């Protein structure tokens, strides 16, 4: 199906996302911080990016800003995953170019549904 890069520093959450998306037939590339995610996005050119907001080395917001400066990457749908659900946080994520902001905790079914809807809109 789709090639998806995820950036999540919490191992249990990262493993759950990888398992859920692989079970749904996607190729998943997992990274542990924003800096690593940026490098993988540049080299892999995925169909979608799922990114935590709060991560070491580079936040999800910083990584998103950098990704959006590349002409060949700026249209890849990026979704923020965060436990921080304040309106200001969500607004910041969307202003930086995210197509969606999913609040943690989320169920595997919710994640696969959201991913499918976003991929359907961009293909």
N, C-alpha and C. Protein backbone atom coordinates (compact mmCIF):
# COMPACT_ATOMS: atom_id res chain seq x y z
N UNK A 1 0.84 -1.19 0.00
CA UNK A 1 0.00 0.00 0.00
C UNK A 1 0.88 1.25 0.00
N UNK A 2 0.96 1.95 1.14
CA UNK A 2 1.72 3.20 1.19
C UNK A 2 3.00 3.04 2.01
N UNK A 3 3.98 3.88 1.68
CA UNK A 3 5.20 3.95 2.48
C UNK A 3 5.01 5.09 3.48
N UNK A 4 5.09 4.76 4.76
CA UNK A 4 4.82 5.73 5.82
C UNK A 4 6.01 5.82 6.76
N UNK A 5 6.46 7.03 7.01
CA UNK A 5 7.51 7.26 8.01
C UNK A 5 6.84 7.74 9.28
N UNK A 6 7.22 7.10 10.39
CA UNK A 6 6.72 7.57 11.67
C UNK A 6 7.90 8.06 12.51
N UNK A 7 7.66 9.12 13.25
CA UNK A 7 8.66 9.67 14.16
C UNK A 7 8.02 9.71 15.55
N UNK A 8 8.48 8.85 16.43
CA UNK A 8 7.92 8.73 17.78
C UNK A 8 9.03 8.28 18.72
N UNK A 9 9.29 9.06 19.76
CA UNK A 9 10.38 8.72 20.67
C UNK A 9 10.00 7.70 21.73
N UNK A 10 8.72 7.52 22.00
CA UNK A 10 8.30 6.53 23.00
C UNK A 10 8.18 5.16 22.33
N UNK A 11 9.03 4.24 22.77
CA UNK A 11 9.16 2.93 22.13
C UNK A 11 7.84 2.16 22.03
N UNK A 12 7.07 2.11 23.13
CA UNK A 12 5.82 1.34 23.10
C UNK A 12 4.82 1.90 22.09
N UNK A 13 4.71 3.22 22.05
CA UNK A 13 3.80 3.85 21.09
C UNK A 13 4.29 3.62 19.67
N UNK A 14 5.60 3.79 19.46
CA UNK A 14 6.20 3.58 18.14
C UNK A 14 5.93 2.15 17.66
N UNK A 15 6.16 1.17 18.53
CA UNK A 15 5.93 -0.23 18.16
C UNK A 15 4.47 -0.50 17.83
N UNK A 16 3.56 0.09 18.59
CA UNK A 16 2.13 -0.08 18.33
C UNK A 16 1.75 0.49 16.97
N UNK A 17 2.26 1.67 16.66
CA UNK A 17 1.96 2.30 15.37
C UNK A 17 2.52 1.46 14.23
N UNK A 18 3.77 1.03 14.37
CA UNK A 18 4.39 0.20 13.33
C UNK A 18 3.57 -1.07 13.11
N UNK A 19 3.25 -1.77 14.18
CA UNK A 19 2.48 -3.01 14.10
C UNK A 19 1.12 -2.77 13.43
N UNK A 20 0.43 -1.73 13.88
CA UNK A 20 -0.91 -1.42 13.36
C UNK A 20 -0.87 -1.14 11.86
N UNK A 21 0.08 -0.31 11.45
CA UNK A 21 0.14 0.07 10.04
C UNK A 21 0.65 -1.07 9.15
N UNK A 22 1.59 -1.87 9.66
CA UNK A 22 2.06 -3.03 8.89
C UNK A 22 0.94 -4.05 8.73
N UNK A 23 0.16 -4.24 9.78
CA UNK A 23 -0.97 -5.16 9.73
C UNK A 23 -1.99 -4.70 8.67
N UNK A 24 -2.04 -3.39 8.46
CA UNK A 24 -2.95 -2.82 7.47
C UNK A 24 -2.32 -2.82 6.06
N UNK A 25 -1.11 -3.38 5.94
CA UNK A 25 -0.49 -3.55 4.64
C UNK A 25 0.49 -2.47 4.21
N UNK A 26 0.82 -1.54 5.10
CA UNK A 26 1.72 -0.45 4.73
C UNK A 26 3.18 -0.81 4.99
N UNK A 27 4.06 -0.19 4.24
CA UNK A 27 5.50 -0.26 4.52
C UNK A 27 5.79 0.85 5.52
N UNK A 28 6.36 0.51 6.65
CA UNK A 28 6.57 1.49 7.72
C UNK A 28 8.05 1.62 8.04
N UNK A 29 8.50 2.87 8.08
CA UNK A 29 9.88 3.18 8.48
C UNK A 29 9.78 3.98 9.77
N UNK A 30 10.33 3.42 10.85
CA UNK A 30 10.21 4.05 12.17
C UNK A 30 11.48 4.83 12.51
N UNK A 31 11.29 6.03 13.05
CA UNK A 31 12.39 6.85 13.53
C UNK A 31 12.08 7.29 14.96
N UNK A 32 13.12 7.72 15.68
CA UNK A 32 12.95 8.02 17.10
C UNK A 32 13.02 9.49 17.45
N UNK A 33 13.33 10.34 16.47
CA UNK A 33 13.37 11.77 16.76
C UNK A 33 13.19 12.56 15.46
N UNK A 34 13.02 13.86 15.58
CA UNK A 34 12.75 14.70 14.42
C UNK A 34 13.90 14.76 13.44
N UNK A 35 15.12 14.78 13.95
CA UNK A 35 16.30 14.84 13.09
C UNK A 35 16.41 13.59 12.21
N UNK A 36 16.24 12.44 12.84
CA UNK A 36 16.28 11.16 12.10
C UNK A 36 15.13 11.09 11.09
N UNK A 37 13.96 11.56 11.49
CA UNK A 37 12.80 11.56 10.60
C UNK A 37 13.06 12.41 9.37
N UNK A 38 13.63 13.59 9.57
CA UNK A 38 13.93 14.48 8.46
C UNK A 38 14.85 13.78 7.45
N UNK A 39 15.89 13.13 7.92
CA UNK A 39 16.83 12.45 7.03
C UNK A 39 16.14 11.32 6.27
N UNK A 40 15.27 10.56 6.95
CA UNK A 40 14.55 9.45 6.30
C UNK A 40 13.56 9.97 5.26
N UNK A 41 12.88 11.08 5.58
CA UNK A 41 11.93 11.65 4.63
C UNK A 41 12.67 12.09 3.36
N UNK A 42 13.83 12.71 3.53
CA UNK A 42 14.62 13.15 2.38
C UNK A 42 15.05 11.95 1.53
N UNK A 43 15.52 10.89 2.18
CA UNK A 43 16.05 9.74 1.43
C UNK A 43 14.96 8.81 0.90
N UNK A 44 13.85 8.68 1.61
CA UNK A 44 12.81 7.69 1.25
C UNK A 44 11.64 8.26 0.47
N UNK A 45 11.39 9.56 0.60
CA UNK A 45 10.24 10.21 -0.05
C UNK A 45 8.96 9.38 0.14
N UNK A 46 8.48 9.31 1.38
CA UNK A 46 7.31 8.47 1.69
C UNK A 46 6.01 9.05 1.13
N UNK A 47 4.96 8.25 1.26
CA UNK A 47 3.62 8.70 0.87
C UNK A 47 2.95 9.49 1.98
N UNK A 48 3.45 9.31 3.22
CA UNK A 48 2.83 9.96 4.37
C UNK A 48 3.84 9.99 5.51
N UNK A 49 3.67 10.98 6.41
CA UNK A 49 4.53 11.11 7.59
C UNK A 49 3.63 11.25 8.81
N UNK A 50 3.90 10.44 9.84
CA UNK A 50 3.23 10.57 11.13
C UNK A 50 4.30 11.00 12.13
N UNK A 51 4.08 12.12 12.82
CA UNK A 51 5.14 12.67 13.63
C UNK A 51 4.65 13.15 14.99
N UNK A 52 5.33 12.67 16.02
CA UNK A 52 5.09 13.17 17.37
C UNK A 52 5.54 14.63 17.41
N UNK A 53 4.98 15.40 18.31
CA UNK A 53 5.36 16.81 18.43
C UNK A 53 6.59 16.95 19.32
N UNK A 54 6.56 16.34 20.49
CA UNK A 54 7.64 16.47 21.47
C UNK A 54 8.62 15.31 21.32
N UNK A 55 9.81 15.61 20.77
CA UNK A 55 10.84 14.59 20.59
C UNK A 55 12.21 15.20 20.85
N UNK A 56 13.19 14.36 21.17
CA UNK A 56 14.55 14.87 21.35
C UNK A 56 15.21 15.24 20.02
N UNK A 57 16.27 16.01 20.10
CA UNK A 57 17.11 16.46 18.98
C UNK A 57 16.42 17.48 18.10
N UNK A 58 15.18 17.24 17.71
CA UNK A 58 14.42 18.17 16.88
C UNK A 58 12.94 17.87 17.10
N UNK A 59 12.16 18.88 17.43
CA UNK A 59 10.73 18.64 17.65
C UNK A 59 10.04 18.32 16.33
N UNK A 60 8.83 17.80 16.45
CA UNK A 60 8.05 17.54 15.25
C UNK A 60 7.76 18.81 14.48
N UNK A 61 7.53 19.91 15.21
CA UNK A 61 7.27 21.19 14.54
C UNK A 61 8.49 21.63 13.73
N UNK A 62 9.69 21.51 14.32
CA UNK A 62 10.92 21.91 13.62
C UNK A 62 11.16 21.03 12.40
N UNK A 63 10.95 19.73 12.56
CA UNK A 63 11.14 18.80 11.43
C UNK A 63 10.14 19.12 10.31
N UNK A 64 8.91 19.40 10.68
CA UNK A 64 7.88 19.73 9.69
C UNK A 64 8.28 20.99 8.91
N UNK A 65 8.73 22.00 9.63
CA UNK A 65 9.16 23.24 8.97
C UNK A 65 10.26 22.97 7.95
N UNK A 66 11.22 22.15 8.31
CA UNK A 66 12.33 21.83 7.41
C UNK A 66 11.85 21.01 6.21
N UNK A 67 10.98 20.02 6.45
CA UNK A 67 10.45 19.19 5.37
C UNK A 67 9.73 20.06 4.34
N UNK A 68 8.95 21.00 4.82
CA UNK A 68 8.14 21.84 3.93
C UNK A 68 8.97 22.80 3.09
N UNK A 69 10.28 22.94 3.39
CA UNK A 69 11.14 23.80 2.56
C UNK A 69 11.64 23.09 1.32
N UNK A 70 11.50 21.77 1.26
CA UNK A 70 11.93 21.00 0.09
C UNK A 70 10.78 20.89 -0.91
N UNK A 71 11.01 21.35 -2.11
CA UNK A 71 9.98 21.34 -3.15
C UNK A 71 9.40 19.94 -3.36
N UNK A 72 10.28 18.92 -3.39
CA UNK A 72 9.84 17.55 -3.69
C UNK A 72 9.20 16.87 -2.48
N UNK A 73 9.24 17.49 -1.31
CA UNK A 73 8.68 16.88 -0.10
C UNK A 73 7.48 17.64 0.46
N UNK A 74 7.31 18.87 0.06
CA UNK A 74 6.34 19.74 0.74
C UNK A 74 4.89 19.28 0.62
N UNK A 75 4.58 18.46 -0.38
CA UNK A 75 3.19 18.00 -0.55
C UNK A 75 2.92 16.64 0.07
N UNK A 76 3.92 16.04 0.72
CA UNK A 76 3.69 14.77 1.42
C UNK A 76 2.81 15.06 2.63
N UNK A 77 1.67 14.37 2.77
CA UNK A 77 0.81 14.65 3.93
C UNK A 77 1.52 14.29 5.24
N UNK A 78 1.51 15.25 6.15
CA UNK A 78 2.13 15.07 7.46
C UNK A 78 1.06 15.19 8.53
N UNK A 79 1.05 14.24 9.45
CA UNK A 79 0.08 14.21 10.54
C UNK A 79 0.83 14.27 11.85
N UNK A 80 0.43 15.19 12.71
CA UNK A 80 1.03 15.25 14.04
C UNK A 80 0.26 14.34 14.99
N UNK A 81 1.01 13.65 15.84
CA UNK A 81 0.45 12.82 16.91
C UNK A 81 0.91 13.44 18.22
N UNK A 82 -0.02 13.77 19.09
CA UNK A 82 0.40 14.41 20.33
C UNK A 82 -0.61 14.24 21.44
N UNK A 83 -0.11 14.20 22.65
CA UNK A 83 -0.97 14.20 23.83
C UNK A 83 -1.39 15.62 24.19
N UNK A 84 -0.70 16.59 23.61
CA UNK A 84 -0.99 18.00 23.87
C UNK A 84 -2.11 18.45 22.95
N UNK A 85 -3.30 18.62 23.51
CA UNK A 85 -4.45 18.92 22.67
C UNK A 85 -4.99 20.32 22.79
N UNK A 86 -4.18 21.25 23.33
CA UNK A 86 -4.65 22.62 23.43
C UNK A 86 -4.82 23.21 22.03
N UNK A 87 -5.79 24.10 21.90
CA UNK A 87 -6.09 24.72 20.61
C UNK A 87 -4.85 25.35 19.98
N UNK A 88 -4.04 26.02 20.81
CA UNK A 88 -2.84 26.70 20.30
C UNK A 88 -1.87 25.69 19.68
N UNK A 89 -1.68 24.55 20.33
CA UNK A 89 -0.79 23.50 19.80
C UNK A 89 -1.31 22.97 18.46
N UNK A 90 -2.58 22.69 18.42
CA UNK A 90 -3.19 22.17 17.19
C UNK A 90 -3.07 23.19 16.07
N UNK A 91 -3.39 24.44 16.38
CA UNK A 91 -3.30 25.52 15.39
C UNK A 91 -1.88 25.66 14.85
N UNK A 92 -0.88 25.59 15.74
CA UNK A 92 0.52 25.67 15.32
C UNK A 92 0.85 24.56 14.34
N UNK A 93 0.45 23.33 14.66
CA UNK A 93 0.71 22.20 13.79
C UNK A 93 0.09 22.36 12.42
N UNK A 94 -1.14 22.82 12.38
CA UNK A 94 -1.83 22.99 11.10
C UNK A 94 -1.23 24.14 10.30
N UNK A 95 -0.83 25.21 10.99
CA UNK A 95 -0.21 26.34 10.31
C UNK A 95 1.14 25.96 9.69
N UNK A 96 1.83 25.00 10.30
CA UNK A 96 3.12 24.55 9.77
C UNK A 96 2.96 23.63 8.57
N UNK A 97 1.73 23.22 8.29
CA UNK A 97 1.49 22.43 7.09
C UNK A 97 0.96 21.02 7.32
N UNK A 98 0.68 20.66 8.56
CA UNK A 98 0.12 19.34 8.81
C UNK A 98 -1.30 19.27 8.24
N UNK A 99 -1.68 18.09 7.77
CA UNK A 99 -3.04 17.90 7.26
C UNK A 99 -3.99 17.46 8.37
N UNK A 100 -3.43 17.00 9.49
CA UNK A 100 -4.26 16.48 10.58
C UNK A 100 -3.44 16.51 11.87
N UNK A 101 -4.14 16.57 12.98
CA UNK A 101 -3.52 16.54 14.31
C UNK A 101 -4.31 15.51 15.11
N UNK A 102 -3.71 14.36 15.36
CA UNK A 102 -4.40 13.28 16.07
C UNK A 102 -3.93 13.26 17.52
N UNK A 103 -4.90 13.28 18.43
CA UNK A 103 -4.58 13.30 19.85
C UNK A 103 -4.37 11.90 20.40
N UNK A 104 -3.33 11.76 21.23
CA UNK A 104 -3.07 10.51 21.96
C UNK A 104 -3.89 10.56 23.24
N UNK A 105 -4.36 9.45 23.71
CA UNK A 105 -4.25 8.13 23.10
C UNK A 105 -5.29 7.95 21.99
N UNK A 106 -4.93 7.17 21.02
CA UNK A 106 -5.85 6.84 19.92
C UNK A 106 -5.86 5.32 19.78
N UNK A 107 -6.95 4.81 19.24
CA UNK A 107 -7.05 3.36 19.05
C UNK A 107 -6.42 2.98 17.71
N UNK A 108 -5.98 1.73 17.58
CA UNK A 108 -5.46 1.27 16.28
C UNK A 108 -6.46 1.47 15.15
N UNK A 109 -7.74 1.21 15.43
CA UNK A 109 -8.77 1.39 14.40
C UNK A 109 -8.88 2.85 13.97
N UNK A 110 -8.81 3.76 14.94
CA UNK A 110 -8.88 5.19 14.63
C UNK A 110 -7.69 5.58 13.74
N UNK A 111 -6.51 5.07 14.08
CA UNK A 111 -5.32 5.40 13.31
C UNK A 111 -5.43 4.91 11.87
N UNK A 112 -5.82 3.66 11.69
CA UNK A 112 -5.91 3.12 10.32
C UNK A 112 -6.98 3.84 9.51
N UNK A 113 -8.08 4.21 10.15
CA UNK A 113 -9.14 4.96 9.47
C UNK A 113 -8.64 6.32 9.02
N UNK A 114 -7.97 7.03 9.91
CA UNK A 114 -7.43 8.36 9.58
C UNK A 114 -6.40 8.26 8.45
N UNK A 115 -5.50 7.29 8.54
CA UNK A 115 -4.47 7.11 7.51
C UNK A 115 -5.12 6.84 6.17
N UNK A 116 -6.10 5.95 6.13
CA UNK A 116 -6.78 5.62 4.88
C UNK A 116 -7.46 6.85 4.28
N UNK A 117 -8.16 7.62 5.12
CA UNK A 117 -8.85 8.82 4.62
C UNK A 117 -7.86 9.82 4.03
N UNK A 118 -6.76 10.03 4.70
CA UNK A 118 -5.77 11.00 4.22
C UNK A 118 -5.12 10.50 2.94
N UNK A 119 -4.75 9.24 2.87
CA UNK A 119 -4.14 8.71 1.66
C UNK A 119 -5.13 8.74 0.50
N UNK A 120 -6.40 8.47 0.76
CA UNK A 120 -7.42 8.52 -0.29
C UNK A 120 -7.56 9.92 -0.88
N UNK A 121 -7.38 10.93 -0.02
CA UNK A 121 -7.51 12.32 -0.46
C UNK A 121 -6.31 12.79 -1.28
N UNK A 122 -5.16 12.14 -1.09
CA UNK A 122 -3.95 12.63 -1.74
C UNK A 122 -3.53 11.81 -2.95
N UNK A 123 -4.27 10.75 -3.24
CA UNK A 123 -3.88 9.92 -4.40
C UNK A 123 -4.83 10.12 -5.56
